[in-house]
Amino acid sequence: MSERPSLRVVRGNPDDAELAALTVVLAAVAAESARRAPERPRRRSWWADRAAMVRRPLHPGEGAWRASSLPR
């Protein structure tokens, strides 16, 4: 399996120190974004759920008050 380079210089002629500095910066950014990534997506509040605005019409009857505000 051939490994592709992580960085490729498309213009200019950087020296080893410049490439090392760029590699360190990119590695730090990648590590920080991986650290900040949430483990699981946050669940939206039932009250903020826009799908509740397109629910079926409510009909009077037993338990209708419950269906008026609680999510399904």
N, C-alpha and C. Protein backbone atom coordinates (compact mmCIF):
# COMPACT_ATOMS: atom_id res chain seq x y z
N MET A 1 0.85 -1.18 0.00
CA MET A 1 0.00 0.00 0.00
C MET A 1 0.89 1.24 0.00
N SER A 2 0.71 2.11 -0.95
CA SER A 2 1.53 3.32 -1.02
C SER A 2 0.89 4.41 -0.16
N GLU A 3 1.73 5.09 0.59
CA GLU A 3 1.23 6.17 1.43
C GLU A 3 1.30 7.48 0.66
N ARG A 4 0.21 8.22 0.74
CA ARG A 4 0.19 9.55 0.13
C ARG A 4 0.71 10.56 1.13
N PRO A 5 1.43 11.59 0.68
CA PRO A 5 1.92 12.59 1.62
C PRO A 5 0.76 13.40 2.20
N SER A 6 0.92 13.80 3.46
CA SER A 6 -0.11 14.61 4.11
C SER A 6 -0.11 16.04 3.61
N LEU A 7 1.05 16.54 3.27
CA LEU A 7 1.20 17.91 2.77
C LEU A 7 1.87 17.86 1.40
N ARG A 8 1.50 18.83 0.58
CA ARG A 8 2.12 18.92 -0.73
C ARG A 8 2.36 20.39 -1.04
N VAL A 9 3.56 20.74 -1.40
CA VAL A 9 3.91 22.12 -1.75
C VAL A 9 3.57 22.31 -3.22
N VAL A 10 2.67 23.26 -3.48
CA VAL A 10 2.26 23.50 -4.87
C VAL A 10 2.91 24.76 -5.45
N ARG A 11 3.46 25.61 -4.59
CA ARG A 11 4.12 26.82 -5.08
C ARG A 11 5.16 27.25 -4.05
N GLY A 12 6.23 27.77 -4.51
CA GLY A 12 7.28 28.25 -3.61
C GLY A 12 8.30 27.15 -3.34
N ASN A 13 9.22 27.48 -2.46
CA ASN A 13 10.29 26.55 -2.14
C ASN A 13 10.58 26.65 -0.64
N PRO A 14 9.72 26.09 0.23
CA PRO A 14 9.93 26.22 1.67
C PRO A 14 11.10 25.36 2.13
N ASP A 15 11.77 25.84 3.18
CA ASP A 15 12.85 25.03 3.74
C ASP A 15 12.28 24.07 4.78
N ASP A 16 13.14 23.27 5.37
CA ASP A 16 12.69 22.25 6.32
C ASP A 16 12.03 22.87 7.56
N ALA A 17 12.54 24.01 8.04
CA ALA A 17 11.98 24.66 9.23
C ALA A 17 10.56 25.16 8.95
N GLU A 18 10.33 25.73 7.78
CA GLU A 18 8.99 26.21 7.43
C GLU A 18 8.00 25.05 7.32
N LEU A 19 8.42 23.96 6.72
CA LEU A 19 7.54 22.79 6.62
C LEU A 19 7.25 22.19 8.00
N ALA A 20 8.26 22.18 8.85
CA ALA A 20 8.06 21.67 10.21
C ALA A 20 7.08 22.55 10.98
N ALA A 21 7.20 23.87 10.84
CA ALA A 21 6.29 24.79 11.53
C ALA A 21 4.86 24.60 11.03
N LEU A 22 4.70 24.46 9.73
CA LEU A 22 3.37 24.25 9.17
C LEU A 22 2.77 22.94 9.65
N THR A 23 3.57 21.90 9.71
CA THR A 23 3.10 20.60 10.18
C THR A 23 2.65 20.67 11.63
N VAL A 24 3.41 21.37 12.47
CA VAL A 24 3.05 21.52 13.89
C VAL A 24 1.74 22.27 14.03
N VAL A 25 1.57 23.34 13.27
CA VAL A 25 0.34 24.13 13.36
C VAL A 25 -0.86 23.30 12.92
N LEU A 26 -0.74 22.59 11.81
CA LEU A 26 -1.86 21.77 11.33
C LEU A 26 -2.18 20.64 12.30
N ALA A 27 -1.16 20.04 12.90
CA ALA A 27 -1.40 18.98 13.88
C ALA A 27 -2.10 19.53 15.12
N ALA A 28 -1.72 20.73 15.55
CA ALA A 28 -2.36 21.35 16.72
C ALA A 28 -3.82 21.68 16.43
N VAL A 29 -4.10 22.19 15.25
CA VAL A 29 -5.48 22.51 14.87
C VAL A 29 -6.32 21.23 14.81
N ALA A 30 -5.77 20.18 14.24
CA ALA A 30 -6.50 18.91 14.15
C ALA A 30 -6.76 18.33 15.54
N ALA A 31 -5.77 18.40 16.42
CA ALA A 31 -5.94 17.88 17.78
C ALA A 31 -6.98 18.69 18.55
N GLU A 32 -6.98 20.00 18.37
CA GLU A 32 -7.95 20.85 19.07
C GLU A 32 -9.36 20.59 18.58
N SER A 33 -9.54 20.45 17.27
CA SER A 33 -10.88 20.20 16.75
C SER A 33 -11.36 18.81 17.17
N ALA A 34 -10.47 17.83 17.26
CA ALA A 34 -10.87 16.50 17.72
C ALA A 34 -11.23 16.54 19.20
N ARG A 35 -10.54 17.36 19.96
CA ARG A 35 -10.84 17.47 21.40
C ARG A 35 -12.18 18.15 21.62
N ARG A 36 -12.49 19.14 20.81
CA ARG A 36 -13.73 19.88 20.98
C ARG A 36 -14.95 19.18 20.39
N ALA A 37 -14.75 18.18 19.56
CA ALA A 37 -15.87 17.50 18.92
C ALA A 37 -16.72 16.81 19.99
N PRO A 38 -18.02 17.03 19.97
CA PRO A 38 -18.87 16.38 20.96
C PRO A 38 -18.92 14.87 20.72
N GLU A 39 -19.04 14.13 21.81
CA GLU A 39 -19.08 12.68 21.71
C GLU A 39 -20.38 12.22 21.04
N ARG A 40 -21.44 12.91 21.33
CA ARG A 40 -22.72 12.60 20.70
C ARG A 40 -23.45 13.91 20.44
N PRO A 41 -24.25 13.94 19.41
CA PRO A 41 -24.94 15.20 19.10
C PRO A 41 -25.92 15.57 20.22
N ARG A 42 -26.02 16.86 20.46
CA ARG A 42 -26.97 17.32 21.48
C ARG A 42 -28.39 17.20 20.96
N ARG A 43 -29.27 16.80 21.83
CA ARG A 43 -30.66 16.67 21.45
C ARG A 43 -31.35 18.01 21.65
N ARG A 44 -32.14 18.40 20.67
CA ARG A 44 -32.87 19.66 20.79
C ARG A 44 -34.02 19.51 21.76
N SER A 45 -34.40 20.59 22.37
CA SER A 45 -35.52 20.61 23.28
C SER A 45 -36.81 20.29 22.53
N TRP A 46 -37.73 19.62 23.20
CA TRP A 46 -39.03 19.34 22.56
C TRP A 46 -39.74 20.65 22.23
N TRP A 47 -39.54 21.66 23.03
CA TRP A 47 -40.22 22.93 22.79
C TRP A 47 -39.64 23.65 21.58
N ALA A 48 -38.37 23.40 21.24
CA ALA A 48 -37.75 24.04 20.09
C ALA A 48 -37.91 23.23 18.80
N ASP A 49 -38.55 22.08 18.89
CA ASP A 49 -38.71 21.21 17.74
C ASP A 49 -39.73 21.80 16.77
N ARG A 50 -39.28 22.15 15.56
CA ARG A 50 -40.16 22.76 14.57
C ARG A 50 -41.14 21.74 13.98
N ALA A 51 -40.89 20.46 14.13
CA ALA A 51 -41.79 19.44 13.60
C ALA A 51 -43.14 19.47 14.31
N ALA A 52 -43.17 19.98 15.54
CA ALA A 52 -44.43 20.05 16.27
C ALA A 52 -45.42 21.01 15.61
N MET A 53 -44.92 21.92 14.79
CA MET A 53 -45.79 22.88 14.13
C MET A 53 -46.57 22.25 12.97
N VAL A 54 -46.16 21.09 12.52
CA VAL A 54 -46.83 20.43 11.40
C VAL A 54 -47.51 19.14 11.83
N ARG A 55 -47.92 19.08 13.08
CA ARG A 55 -48.57 17.87 13.57
C ARG A 55 -50.02 17.78 13.10
N ARG A 56 -50.63 16.64 13.35
CA ARG A 56 -52.03 16.44 12.97
C ARG A 56 -52.93 17.38 13.75
N PRO A 57 -54.11 17.68 13.22
CA PRO A 57 -55.04 18.54 13.97
C PRO A 57 -55.49 17.86 15.26
N LEU A 58 -55.74 18.66 16.25
CA LEU A 58 -56.20 18.14 17.54
C LEU A 58 -57.72 18.07 17.55
N HIS A 59 -58.24 17.02 18.16
CA HIS A 59 -59.69 16.84 18.25
C HIS A 59 -60.07 16.79 19.72
N PRO A 60 -61.21 17.40 20.08
CA PRO A 60 -61.64 17.35 21.47
C PRO A 60 -61.96 15.92 21.88
N GLY A 61 -61.72 15.63 23.12
CA GLY A 61 -62.02 14.30 23.62
C GLY A 61 -61.12 13.96 24.80
N GLU A 62 -61.25 12.72 25.25
CA GLU A 62 -60.49 12.28 26.40
C GLU A 62 -58.99 12.29 26.07
N GLY A 63 -58.19 12.95 26.92
CA GLY A 63 -56.75 13.02 26.73
C GLY A 63 -56.30 14.06 25.72
N ALA A 64 -57.22 14.84 25.17
CA ALA A 64 -56.84 15.83 24.16
C ALA A 64 -55.93 16.91 24.74
N TRP A 65 -56.10 17.25 25.99
CA TRP A 65 -55.24 18.27 26.59
C TRP A 65 -53.80 17.80 26.62
N ARG A 66 -53.59 16.49 26.79
CA ARG A 66 -52.24 15.95 26.81
C ARG A 66 -51.59 16.05 25.42
N ALA A 67 -52.36 15.78 24.41
CA ALA A 67 -51.83 15.82 23.05
C ALA A 67 -51.57 17.25 22.58
N SER A 68 -52.09 18.23 23.29
CA SER A 68 -51.91 19.61 22.84
C SER A 68 -50.49 20.14 23.10
N SER A 69 -49.75 19.53 24.03
CA SER A 69 -48.44 20.09 24.32
C SER A 69 -47.33 19.05 24.40
N LEU A 70 -47.65 17.82 24.64
CA LEU A 70 -46.60 16.82 24.77
C LEU A 70 -46.19 16.27 23.42
N PRO A 71 -44.90 16.01 23.24
CA PRO A 71 -44.44 15.44 21.97
C PRO A 71 -44.87 13.97 21.85
N ARG A 72 -44.90 13.52 20.60
CA ARG A 72 -45.25 12.12 20.39
C ARG A 72 -44.05 11.26 20.40
